[in-house]
Structures are given as C-alpha cells and as structure tokens.
C-alpha cells in the first residue's frame, strides 16, 4: 500500500503534474518500493531511473548520485542559496520541451503548478505580457496546449499569489 507523499514546498502536486507516478518499482537509492517513483528529469553523473519522492525530499538521492532535479540558473540575487538548493536538489523537477527553468518571485522560489494551455493562460491575463516580453508573438499564444508543441509552464508566487509562466516549443 502506498504511503502519503512528502510535501514539496515548491512543487505542491508532483503526482498531478506527472513528475511522480504510482509504481511498484524499487527506489535505486533506498531499495524500497513505496508505491511512487519520480519521472521528471535528473541531472547526475550516472543515469538514475527510479527514485522515490522520499529520497528526493530528504536530499539523500541528490547526495548519493550527485543529482539535481531542476535548474535554477536564473535565480535572482535576492533568493537565498538555501532556497535554490532545495529547489535543485530536494524538489521534483518537471519535463519540458527545451531546458526547464524554475521561476522566482518575492525573493523566493515559486510553486510549480504544471503545464498550461491557452485556456489557463487566458484566465490569467497578466501572463500574456510576460510571454510576449520573452519573445512569443501574442497571436501565437492561442496555440498553447498542455499536450501540444507549444506549452506554457505555470507557477505561483508563494507569498503574493501572482501567477508566473514561461513557454517553450518542441
């Protein structure tokens, strides 16, 4: 029987986003089969295919395999190093078309909410100027699709609740 997933401050629903899936596979770090495995990206010296969310949350997977699960290269200077460390080494990442990146707001990492299509972006009109400023034509944004070739990645500030997003294409 599966146990309750650990809480990830910066990725509150890794099961919903598809970064964690139900599985009877054993974790390569702890050898347990707790009912869930991580299916997002990992950047490690050696290839690692099956990690449990508990080993990611504890940091033991990152330590043992010298692994990172997200990129936070664009963290602003006002974001503490401990926050970047938690996002990169103790938070499930997410798969994108190009190089994934974490977003930040209010001096902290934002929560990753998942992939977003046009319906979601249109319901948060403040996202449109952000995507246009990143180089996307406004007339292309209605082609955003959760499962398509042009997808947005939706985040929310943990402090002020602002929605943030970036988009990429296959």
N, C-alpha and C. Protein backbone atom coordinates (compact mmCIF):
# COMPACT_ATOMS: atom_id res chain seq x y z
N UNK A 1 0.85 -1.19 0.00
CA UNK A 1 0.00 0.00 0.00
C UNK A 1 0.88 1.24 0.00
N UNK A 2 0.51 2.21 -0.78
CA UNK A 2 1.27 3.46 -0.91
C UNK A 2 1.06 4.33 0.33
N UNK A 3 2.12 5.01 0.71
CA UNK A 3 2.01 5.96 1.81
C UNK A 3 1.81 7.37 1.25
N UNK A 4 1.48 8.32 2.11
CA UNK A 4 1.27 9.70 1.68
C UNK A 4 2.60 10.30 1.22
N UNK A 5 2.53 11.01 0.11
CA UNK A 5 3.73 11.62 -0.45
C UNK A 5 4.28 12.70 0.49
N UNK A 6 5.60 12.91 0.46
CA UNK A 6 6.15 14.02 1.24
C UNK A 6 5.67 15.35 0.64
N UNK A 7 5.69 16.38 1.45
CA UNK A 7 5.29 17.71 0.99
C UNK A 7 6.48 18.40 0.33
N UNK A 8 6.27 18.93 -0.86
CA UNK A 8 7.30 19.69 -1.56
C UNK A 8 6.82 21.13 -1.65
N UNK A 9 7.48 22.00 -0.94
CA UNK A 9 7.10 23.40 -0.86
C UNK A 9 7.02 24.07 -2.25
N UNK A 10 7.91 23.69 -3.16
CA UNK A 10 7.99 24.35 -4.46
C UNK A 10 7.35 23.55 -5.59
N UNK A 11 6.82 22.39 -5.29
CA UNK A 11 6.12 21.56 -6.27
C UNK A 11 5.01 20.83 -5.50
N UNK A 12 3.92 21.55 -5.19
CA UNK A 12 2.92 21.02 -4.27
C UNK A 12 2.13 19.81 -4.75
N UNK A 13 2.09 19.55 -6.06
CA UNK A 13 1.32 18.41 -6.55
C UNK A 13 2.11 17.63 -7.62
N UNK A 14 3.21 17.01 -7.24
CA UNK A 14 4.02 16.31 -8.25
C UNK A 14 3.30 15.12 -8.88
N UNK A 15 2.33 14.57 -8.19
CA UNK A 15 1.52 13.50 -8.78
C UNK A 15 0.62 14.08 -9.87
N UNK A 16 0.01 15.20 -9.61
CA UNK A 16 -0.87 15.86 -10.57
C UNK A 16 -0.13 16.37 -11.79
N UNK A 17 1.12 16.79 -11.63
CA UNK A 17 1.89 17.30 -12.76
C UNK A 17 2.56 16.18 -13.56
N UNK A 18 2.53 14.96 -13.03
CA UNK A 18 3.14 13.83 -13.72
C UNK A 18 4.62 13.63 -13.41
N UNK A 19 5.18 14.44 -12.52
CA UNK A 19 6.58 14.27 -12.16
C UNK A 19 6.79 13.07 -11.25
N UNK A 20 5.75 12.69 -10.53
CA UNK A 20 5.75 11.48 -9.70
C UNK A 20 4.57 10.65 -10.16
N UNK A 21 4.80 9.35 -10.28
CA UNK A 21 3.74 8.43 -10.73
C UNK A 21 3.65 7.25 -9.77
N UNK A 22 2.48 6.62 -9.76
CA UNK A 22 2.35 5.41 -8.96
C UNK A 22 3.12 4.30 -9.67
N UNK A 23 3.79 3.49 -8.86
CA UNK A 23 4.61 2.42 -9.42
C UNK A 23 5.02 1.46 -8.31
N UNK A 24 5.27 0.21 -8.69
CA UNK A 24 5.79 -0.74 -7.72
C UNK A 24 7.30 -0.92 -7.85
N UNK A 25 7.95 -0.02 -8.63
CA UNK A 25 9.40 -0.09 -8.80
C UNK A 25 10.11 0.24 -7.49
N UNK A 26 11.29 -0.35 -7.33
CA UNK A 26 12.13 -0.04 -6.17
C UNK A 26 12.95 1.21 -6.45
N UNK A 27 13.14 1.99 -5.42
CA UNK A 27 13.98 3.17 -5.49
C UNK A 27 15.45 2.73 -5.54
N UNK A 28 16.20 3.29 -6.48
CA UNK A 28 17.62 2.94 -6.61
C UNK A 28 18.44 3.44 -5.43
N UNK A 29 17.92 4.35 -4.66
CA UNK A 29 18.66 4.89 -3.51
C UNK A 29 18.40 4.06 -2.25
N UNK A 30 17.14 3.87 -1.89
CA UNK A 30 16.82 3.21 -0.62
C UNK A 30 16.44 1.75 -0.75
N UNK A 31 16.14 1.31 -1.98
CA UNK A 31 15.75 -0.09 -2.20
C UNK A 31 14.31 -0.40 -1.86
N UNK A 32 13.57 0.59 -1.41
CA UNK A 32 12.16 0.39 -1.07
C UNK A 32 11.28 0.57 -2.31
N UNK A 33 10.07 0.01 -2.24
CA UNK A 33 9.06 0.20 -3.29
C UNK A 33 7.83 0.82 -2.61
N UNK A 34 7.87 2.13 -2.34
CA UNK A 34 6.81 2.77 -1.55
C UNK A 34 5.53 3.10 -2.31
N UNK A 35 5.47 2.74 -3.60
CA UNK A 35 4.25 2.97 -4.36
C UNK A 35 4.32 4.13 -5.32
N UNK A 36 5.39 4.92 -5.27
CA UNK A 36 5.56 6.07 -6.15
C UNK A 36 7.02 6.17 -6.59
N UNK A 37 7.22 6.64 -7.82
CA UNK A 37 8.57 6.95 -8.29
C UNK A 37 8.55 8.28 -9.04
N UNK A 38 9.70 8.89 -9.06
CA UNK A 38 9.91 10.16 -9.75
C UNK A 38 10.11 9.90 -11.24
N UNK A 39 9.44 10.68 -12.10
CA UNK A 39 9.56 10.53 -13.55
C UNK A 39 10.01 11.82 -14.24
N UNK A 40 10.46 12.78 -13.47
CA UNK A 40 10.96 14.02 -14.05
C UNK A 40 12.42 13.90 -14.41
N UNK A 41 13.02 15.00 -14.85
CA UNK A 41 14.42 14.97 -15.24
C UNK A 41 15.35 14.85 -14.03
N UNK A 42 16.48 14.23 -14.27
CA UNK A 42 17.55 14.23 -13.26
C UNK A 42 18.86 14.45 -13.99
N UNK A 43 19.66 15.27 -13.39
CA UNK A 43 20.97 15.58 -13.94
C UNK A 43 21.97 15.03 -12.95
N UNK A 44 22.60 13.89 -13.31
CA UNK A 44 23.50 13.19 -12.40
C UNK A 44 24.69 12.65 -13.18
N UNK A 45 25.72 12.31 -12.44
CA UNK A 45 26.92 11.74 -13.06
C UNK A 45 26.56 10.43 -13.76
N UNK A 46 25.84 9.57 -13.05
CA UNK A 46 25.38 8.30 -13.63
C UNK A 46 23.87 8.36 -13.84
N UNK A 47 23.38 7.62 -14.81
CA UNK A 47 21.95 7.60 -15.08
C UNK A 47 21.20 6.95 -13.93
N UNK A 48 20.16 7.62 -13.49
CA UNK A 48 19.31 7.13 -12.41
C UNK A 48 17.89 7.12 -12.96
N UNK A 49 17.23 5.97 -12.87
CA UNK A 49 15.91 5.86 -13.49
C UNK A 49 14.76 5.75 -12.50
N UNK A 50 15.02 5.31 -11.29
CA UNK A 50 13.93 5.06 -10.36
C UNK A 50 14.29 5.56 -8.97
N UNK A 51 13.71 6.69 -8.60
CA UNK A 51 13.92 7.27 -7.27
C UNK A 51 12.57 7.52 -6.63
N UNK A 52 12.51 7.30 -5.34
CA UNK A 52 11.25 7.59 -4.64
C UNK A 52 11.23 9.05 -4.21
N UNK A 53 10.05 9.61 -4.05
CA UNK A 53 9.93 11.00 -3.63
C UNK A 53 10.54 11.27 -2.25
N UNK A 54 10.57 10.26 -1.38
CA UNK A 54 11.11 10.45 -0.04
C UNK A 54 12.62 10.66 -0.09
N UNK A 55 13.31 9.95 -0.94
CA UNK A 55 14.76 10.14 -1.08
C UNK A 55 15.08 11.48 -1.72
N UNK A 56 14.19 11.96 -2.60
CA UNK A 56 14.38 13.30 -3.16
C UNK A 56 14.15 14.34 -2.07
N UNK A 57 13.06 14.23 -1.33
CA UNK A 57 12.73 15.20 -0.29
C UNK A 57 13.82 15.28 0.78
N UNK A 58 14.38 14.16 1.14
CA UNK A 58 15.41 14.12 2.19
C UNK A 58 16.76 14.62 1.70
N UNK A 59 16.93 14.68 0.38
CA UNK A 59 18.21 15.08 -0.18
C UNK A 59 19.18 13.93 -0.34
N UNK A 60 18.80 12.74 0.10
CA UNK A 60 19.71 11.59 0.03
C UNK A 60 19.93 11.14 -1.41
N UNK A 61 18.93 11.28 -2.27
CA UNK A 61 19.12 10.92 -3.69
C UNK A 61 20.11 11.87 -4.34
N UNK A 62 19.97 13.16 -4.08
CA UNK A 62 20.90 14.15 -4.64
C UNK A 62 22.31 13.90 -4.14
N UNK A 63 22.42 13.59 -2.85
CA UNK A 63 23.74 13.36 -2.26
C UNK A 63 24.40 12.10 -2.82
N UNK A 64 23.67 11.00 -2.83
CA UNK A 64 24.26 9.74 -3.27
C UNK A 64 24.63 9.74 -4.74
N UNK A 65 23.80 10.34 -5.58
CA UNK A 65 24.03 10.30 -7.03
C UNK A 65 24.57 11.62 -7.58
N UNK A 66 24.89 12.56 -6.70
CA UNK A 66 25.32 13.90 -7.10
C UNK A 66 24.34 14.43 -8.16
N UNK A 67 23.06 14.38 -7.80
CA UNK A 67 21.98 14.67 -8.75
C UNK A 67 21.31 16.01 -8.46
N UNK A 68 20.78 16.58 -9.52
CA UNK A 68 19.91 17.75 -9.45
C UNK A 68 18.66 17.40 -10.24
N UNK A 69 17.52 17.93 -9.79
CA UNK A 69 16.24 17.58 -10.39
C UNK A 69 15.58 18.76 -11.09
N UNK A 70 16.16 19.92 -10.95
CA UNK A 70 15.64 21.13 -11.59
C UNK A 70 16.80 22.07 -11.84
N UNK A 71 16.58 23.05 -12.69
CA UNK A 71 17.58 24.08 -12.91
C UNK A 71 17.05 25.40 -12.37
N UNK A 72 17.94 26.11 -11.71
CA UNK A 72 17.57 27.40 -11.14
C UNK A 72 18.68 28.40 -11.43
N UNK A 73 19.23 28.30 -12.63
CA UNK A 73 20.35 29.16 -13.01
C UNK A 73 19.98 30.64 -13.04
N UNK A 74 18.71 30.94 -13.22
CA UNK A 74 18.27 32.32 -13.34
C UNK A 74 17.69 32.87 -12.04
N UNK A 75 18.09 32.28 -10.91
CA UNK A 75 17.59 32.78 -9.63
C UNK A 75 18.11 34.20 -9.39
N UNK A 76 17.22 35.12 -9.03
CA UNK A 76 17.67 36.48 -8.72
C UNK A 76 18.59 36.49 -7.50
N UNK A 77 19.37 37.54 -7.39
CA UNK A 77 20.32 37.66 -6.29
C UNK A 77 19.65 37.69 -4.92
N UNK A 78 18.39 38.12 -4.85
CA UNK A 78 17.72 38.21 -3.56
C UNK A 78 17.11 36.87 -3.09
N UNK A 79 17.30 35.81 -3.85
CA UNK A 79 16.82 34.48 -3.45
C UNK A 79 17.94 33.78 -2.69
N UNK A 80 17.69 33.38 -1.44
CA UNK A 80 18.73 32.73 -0.64
C UNK A 80 19.23 31.43 -1.28
N UNK A 81 20.50 31.15 -1.07
CA UNK A 81 21.12 29.93 -1.61
C UNK A 81 20.40 28.68 -1.11
N UNK A 82 19.90 28.70 0.11
CA UNK A 82 19.20 27.53 0.66
C UNK A 82 17.93 27.23 -0.13
N UNK A 83 17.27 28.26 -0.64
CA UNK A 83 16.07 28.07 -1.46
C UNK A 83 16.45 27.41 -2.79
N UNK A 84 17.48 27.94 -3.42
CA UNK A 84 17.94 27.35 -4.69
C UNK A 84 18.33 25.90 -4.47
N UNK A 85 19.05 25.63 -3.39
CA UNK A 85 19.47 24.25 -3.05
C UNK A 85 18.25 23.34 -2.89
N UNK A 86 17.21 23.81 -2.20
CA UNK A 86 16.01 22.99 -2.02
C UNK A 86 15.32 22.70 -3.35
N UNK A 87 15.23 23.70 -4.19
CA UNK A 87 14.58 23.51 -5.49
C UNK A 87 15.38 22.54 -6.36
N UNK A 88 16.67 22.73 -6.41
CA UNK A 88 17.52 21.96 -7.32
C UNK A 88 17.75 20.53 -6.83
N UNK A 89 17.89 20.33 -5.52
CA UNK A 89 18.33 19.03 -5.01
C UNK A 89 17.30 18.28 -4.16
N UNK A 90 16.20 18.93 -3.76
CA UNK A 90 15.22 18.26 -2.91
C UNK A 90 13.78 18.49 -3.34
N UNK A 91 13.60 18.87 -4.60
CA UNK A 91 12.27 19.10 -5.16
C UNK A 91 12.16 18.38 -6.49
N UNK A 92 11.06 17.65 -6.73
CA UNK A 92 10.90 17.03 -8.05
C UNK A 92 10.87 18.08 -9.14
N UNK A 93 11.59 17.85 -10.20
CA UNK A 93 11.57 18.75 -11.34
C UNK A 93 10.40 18.43 -12.24
N UNK A 94 10.41 18.99 -13.43
CA UNK A 94 9.36 18.74 -14.42
C UNK A 94 10.00 18.69 -15.79
N UNK A 95 9.38 17.95 -16.67
CA UNK A 95 9.91 17.81 -18.03
C UNK A 95 9.33 18.88 -18.93
N UNK A 96 10.19 19.49 -19.73
CA UNK A 96 9.77 20.49 -20.71
C UNK A 96 10.31 20.14 -22.08
N UNK A 97 9.91 20.92 -23.07
CA UNK A 97 10.41 20.68 -24.42
C UNK A 97 11.88 21.03 -24.53
N UNK A 98 12.25 22.17 -23.98
CA UNK A 98 13.64 22.62 -24.02
C UNK A 98 14.20 22.50 -22.61
N UNK A 99 15.18 23.28 -22.28
CA UNK A 99 15.74 23.27 -20.92
C UNK A 99 14.73 23.87 -19.95
N UNK A 100 14.33 23.09 -18.96
CA UNK A 100 13.39 23.58 -17.95
C UNK A 100 14.08 24.65 -17.11
N UNK A 101 13.27 25.51 -16.52
CA UNK A 101 13.79 26.51 -15.59
C UNK A 101 12.75 26.82 -14.54
N UNK A 102 13.22 27.08 -13.36
CA UNK A 102 12.33 27.42 -12.26
C UNK A 102 12.13 28.92 -12.25
N UNK A 103 10.95 29.36 -11.84
CA UNK A 103 10.67 30.79 -11.75
C UNK A 103 10.66 31.24 -10.29
N UNK A 104 10.93 32.52 -10.08
CA UNK A 104 11.08 33.10 -8.75
C UNK A 104 10.27 34.39 -8.65
N UNK A 105 9.85 34.69 -7.42
CA UNK A 105 9.08 35.92 -7.19
C UNK A 105 9.15 36.24 -5.70
N UNK A 106 9.14 37.48 -5.36
CA UNK A 106 9.15 37.93 -3.97
C UNK A 106 10.33 37.35 -3.18
N UNK A 107 11.48 37.21 -3.82
CA UNK A 107 12.68 36.74 -3.14
C UNK A 107 12.64 35.27 -2.78
N UNK A 108 11.81 34.49 -3.46
CA UNK A 108 11.66 33.06 -3.15
C UNK A 108 11.37 32.30 -4.44
N UNK A 109 11.50 30.99 -4.38
CA UNK A 109 11.09 30.17 -5.50
C UNK A 109 9.57 30.14 -5.58
N UNK A 110 9.06 30.07 -6.78
CA UNK A 110 7.61 29.96 -6.97
C UNK A 110 7.22 28.48 -6.97
N UNK A 111 5.95 28.22 -6.74
CA UNK A 111 5.42 26.86 -6.80
C UNK A 111 5.17 26.48 -8.25
N UNK A 112 5.66 25.32 -8.66
CA UNK A 112 5.34 24.83 -9.99
C UNK A 112 3.96 24.19 -9.94
N UNK A 113 3.04 24.67 -10.79
CA UNK A 113 1.67 24.16 -10.81
C UNK A 113 1.42 23.19 -11.95
N UNK A 114 2.25 23.23 -13.00
CA UNK A 114 2.09 22.29 -14.10
C UNK A 114 2.10 22.96 -15.45
N UNK A 115 1.89 22.13 -16.46
CA UNK A 115 1.79 22.63 -17.83
C UNK A 115 0.49 23.39 -17.99
N UNK A 116 0.50 24.36 -18.88
CA UNK A 116 -0.71 25.17 -19.09
C UNK A 116 -0.92 25.42 -20.57
N UNK A 117 -2.17 25.35 -20.98
CA UNK A 117 -2.56 25.70 -22.34
C UNK A 117 -3.15 27.10 -22.37
N UNK A 118 -3.68 27.45 -23.52
CA UNK A 118 -4.23 28.79 -23.72
C UNK A 118 -5.36 29.11 -22.75
N UNK A 119 -6.24 28.15 -22.48
CA UNK A 119 -7.36 28.42 -21.57
C UNK A 119 -6.86 28.92 -20.21
N UNK A 120 -5.84 28.28 -19.69
CA UNK A 120 -5.28 28.68 -18.39
C UNK A 120 -4.60 30.03 -18.50
N UNK A 121 -3.77 30.21 -19.52
CA UNK A 121 -3.07 31.48 -19.69
C UNK A 121 -4.07 32.62 -19.87
N UNK A 122 -5.11 32.41 -20.67
CA UNK A 122 -6.11 33.45 -20.90
C UNK A 122 -6.87 33.80 -19.61
N UNK A 123 -6.99 32.84 -18.70
CA UNK A 123 -7.68 33.13 -17.44
C UNK A 123 -6.80 33.92 -16.47
N UNK A 124 -5.53 34.09 -16.82
CA UNK A 124 -4.59 34.92 -16.06
C UNK A 124 -3.97 35.91 -17.04
N UNK A 125 -4.72 36.95 -17.44
CA UNK A 125 -4.26 37.85 -18.49
C UNK A 125 -2.92 38.53 -18.20
N UNK A 126 -2.52 38.59 -16.94
CA UNK A 126 -1.22 39.17 -16.61
C UNK A 126 -0.06 38.35 -17.17
N UNK A 127 -0.32 37.10 -17.56
CA UNK A 127 0.73 36.25 -18.12
C UNK A 127 1.06 36.60 -19.57
N UNK A 128 0.09 37.13 -20.30
CA UNK A 128 0.30 37.41 -21.72
C UNK A 128 1.46 38.38 -21.95
N UNK A 129 1.52 39.54 -21.27
CA UNK A 129 2.66 40.44 -21.49
C UNK A 129 4.00 39.80 -21.12
N UNK A 130 4.00 38.94 -20.11
CA UNK A 130 5.23 38.26 -19.73
C UNK A 130 5.72 37.35 -20.85
N UNK A 131 4.82 36.59 -21.43
CA UNK A 131 5.19 35.68 -22.52
C UNK A 131 5.61 36.45 -23.76
N UNK A 132 4.93 37.56 -24.03
CA UNK A 132 5.31 38.41 -25.18
C UNK A 132 6.69 39.01 -24.94
N UNK A 133 6.97 39.45 -23.72
CA UNK A 133 8.28 40.02 -23.39
C UNK A 133 9.40 39.00 -23.55
N UNK A 134 9.06 37.71 -23.43
CA UNK A 134 10.05 36.65 -23.62
C UNK A 134 10.26 36.32 -25.10
N UNK A 135 9.51 36.98 -25.97
CA UNK A 135 9.72 36.78 -27.40
C UNK A 135 8.61 36.05 -28.13
N UNK A 136 7.55 35.66 -27.44
CA UNK A 136 6.44 34.98 -28.11
C UNK A 136 5.50 36.02 -28.71
N UNK A 137 5.07 35.78 -29.93
CA UNK A 137 4.08 36.68 -30.55
C UNK A 137 2.72 36.43 -29.89
N UNK A 138 2.02 37.52 -29.63
CA UNK A 138 0.73 37.38 -28.97
C UNK A 138 -0.25 36.54 -29.79
N UNK A 139 -0.17 36.65 -31.13
CA UNK A 139 -1.09 35.85 -31.95
C UNK A 139 -0.74 34.36 -31.96
N UNK A 140 0.44 33.98 -31.43
CA UNK A 140 0.82 32.56 -31.33
C UNK A 140 0.31 31.94 -30.03
N UNK A 141 0.07 32.75 -29.03
CA UNK A 141 -0.29 32.22 -27.71
C UNK A 141 -1.57 31.39 -27.70
N UNK A 142 -2.59 31.68 -28.52
CA UNK A 142 -3.76 30.81 -28.52
C UNK A 142 -3.46 29.36 -28.94
N UNK A 143 -2.28 29.12 -29.48
CA UNK A 143 -1.89 27.74 -29.83
C UNK A 143 -1.29 26.98 -28.65
N UNK A 144 -1.14 27.65 -27.49
CA UNK A 144 -0.63 26.96 -26.31
C UNK A 144 -1.53 25.79 -25.97
N UNK A 145 -0.92 24.64 -25.71
CA UNK A 145 -1.67 23.44 -25.40
C UNK A 145 -0.89 22.60 -24.39
N UNK A 146 -1.56 22.04 -23.43
CA UNK A 146 -0.90 21.21 -22.42
C UNK A 146 -0.15 20.05 -23.07
N UNK A 147 -0.70 19.49 -24.12
CA UNK A 147 -0.10 18.32 -24.77
C UNK A 147 0.44 18.62 -26.16
N UNK A 148 0.52 19.89 -26.53
CA UNK A 148 0.92 20.24 -27.89
C UNK A 148 2.39 20.58 -28.01
N UNK A 149 2.71 21.18 -29.15
CA UNK A 149 4.09 21.57 -29.44
C UNK A 149 4.48 22.90 -28.84
N UNK A 150 3.52 23.68 -28.38
CA UNK A 150 3.76 24.96 -27.71
C UNK A 150 3.05 24.89 -26.36
N UNK A 151 3.81 24.93 -25.29
CA UNK A 151 3.24 24.74 -23.95
C UNK A 151 3.78 25.81 -23.01
N UNK A 152 2.95 26.21 -22.07
CA UNK A 152 3.37 27.12 -21.00
C UNK A 152 3.58 26.30 -19.74
N UNK A 153 4.44 26.80 -18.88
CA UNK A 153 4.71 26.17 -17.58
C UNK A 153 4.29 27.18 -16.53
N UNK A 154 3.31 26.80 -15.71
CA UNK A 154 2.65 27.72 -14.79
C UNK A 154 3.22 27.60 -13.38
N UNK A 155 3.49 28.76 -12.78
CA UNK A 155 3.97 28.86 -11.41
C UNK A 155 3.10 29.85 -10.65
N UNK A 156 3.21 29.80 -9.31
CA UNK A 156 2.50 30.77 -8.47
C UNK A 156 3.44 31.20 -7.35
N UNK A 157 3.49 32.49 -7.10
CA UNK A 157 4.31 33.02 -6.01
C UNK A 157 3.75 32.52 -4.68
N UNK A 158 4.61 32.04 -3.84
CA UNK A 158 4.22 31.52 -2.53
C UNK A 158 3.82 32.64 -1.56
N UNK A 159 4.17 33.88 -1.88
CA UNK A 159 3.94 34.98 -0.96
C UNK A 159 2.78 35.88 -1.39
N UNK A 160 2.79 36.35 -2.62
CA UNK A 160 1.75 37.29 -3.07
C UNK A 160 0.68 36.62 -3.94
N UNK A 161 0.91 35.37 -4.34
CA UNK A 161 -0.08 34.65 -5.14
C UNK A 161 -0.06 34.95 -6.62
N UNK A 162 0.86 35.81 -7.08
CA UNK A 162 0.94 36.13 -8.51
C UNK A 162 1.23 34.88 -9.31
N UNK A 163 0.58 34.78 -10.45
CA UNK A 163 0.87 33.68 -11.38
C UNK A 163 1.97 34.09 -12.32
N UNK A 164 2.86 33.17 -12.61
CA UNK A 164 4.01 33.38 -13.48
C UNK A 164 4.04 32.24 -14.49
N UNK A 165 4.62 32.49 -15.64
CA UNK A 165 4.72 31.42 -16.63
C UNK A 165 5.84 31.73 -17.63
N UNK A 166 6.31 30.68 -18.25
CA UNK A 166 7.15 30.81 -19.43
C UNK A 166 6.67 29.74 -20.39
N UNK A 167 7.03 29.88 -21.65
CA UNK A 167 6.58 28.93 -22.66
C UNK A 167 7.78 28.42 -23.44
N UNK A 168 7.63 27.24 -24.01
CA UNK A 168 8.61 26.75 -24.97
C UNK A 168 7.92 25.84 -25.97
N UNK A 169 8.66 25.48 -26.99
CA UNK A 169 8.08 24.69 -28.08
C UNK A 169 9.01 23.55 -28.44
N UNK A 170 8.42 22.54 -29.04
CA UNK A 170 9.22 21.38 -29.46
C UNK A 170 10.11 21.72 -30.64
